[in-house]
Amino acid sequence: MQHIWQVIGMAKTCETMPELRQRMAETFGTGPIQLTIKIPKQSP
């Protein structure tokens, strides 16, 4: 829950989405985000 309020607070001070993205990267760090999980099929 605290994360959400931090994001809302940061968003209020930003004028553009790129600016918000930059502040989020500075605060929470940058790195790739894995959105899908691929599980290999098991052989019989």
Protein backbone atom coordinates (compact mmCIF):
# COMPACT_ATOMS: atom_id res chain seq x y z
CA MET A 1 0.00 0.00 0.00
CA GLN A 2 2.83 2.38 0.82
CA HIS A 3 4.23 1.98 -2.72
CA ILE A 4 0.96 3.20 -4.21
CA TRP A 5 0.93 6.35 -2.10
CA GLN A 6 4.57 7.05 -2.97
CA VAL A 7 3.75 6.80 -6.68
CA ILE A 8 0.72 9.08 -6.30
CA GLY A 9 2.82 11.64 -4.43
CA MET A 10 5.52 11.59 -7.10
CA ALA A 11 2.96 11.80 -9.90
CA LYS A 12 1.50 14.98 -8.42
CA THR A 13 4.87 16.73 -8.74
CA CYS A 14 5.52 15.62 -12.34
CA GLU A 15 4.24 17.34 -15.45
CA THR A 16 4.88 14.54 -17.97
CA MET A 17 4.96 10.75 -18.02
CA PRO A 18 8.67 10.63 -18.99
CA GLU A 19 9.42 12.78 -15.95
CA LEU A 20 7.45 10.39 -13.71
CA ARG A 21 9.24 7.40 -15.25
CA GLN A 22 12.59 9.04 -14.56
CA ARG A 23 11.72 9.72 -10.92
CA MET A 24 10.41 6.18 -10.47
CA ALA A 25 13.66 4.80 -11.90
CA GLU A 26 15.71 6.97 -9.55
CA THR A 27 13.65 5.96 -6.52
CA PHE A 28 13.00 2.27 -7.10
CA GLY A 29 15.90 1.42 -9.40
CA THR A 30 15.96 0.36 -13.00
CA GLY A 31 16.07 -3.04 -14.54
CA PRO A 32 14.19 -5.34 -16.83
CA ILE A 33 10.76 -6.50 -15.76
CA GLN A 34 9.63 -9.98 -16.69
CA LEU A 35 5.94 -9.91 -17.59
CA THR A 36 5.53 -13.54 -18.66
CA ILE A 37 6.74 -16.83 -17.31
CA LYS A 38 7.66 -19.57 -19.76
CA ILE A 39 7.75 -23.09 -18.43
CA PRO A 40 9.36 -25.69 -20.71
CA LYS A 41 7.40 -28.85 -21.43
CA GLN A 42 8.69 -31.91 -19.66
CA SER A 43 9.73 -34.80 -21.87
CA PRO A 44 8.06 -38.15 -21.16
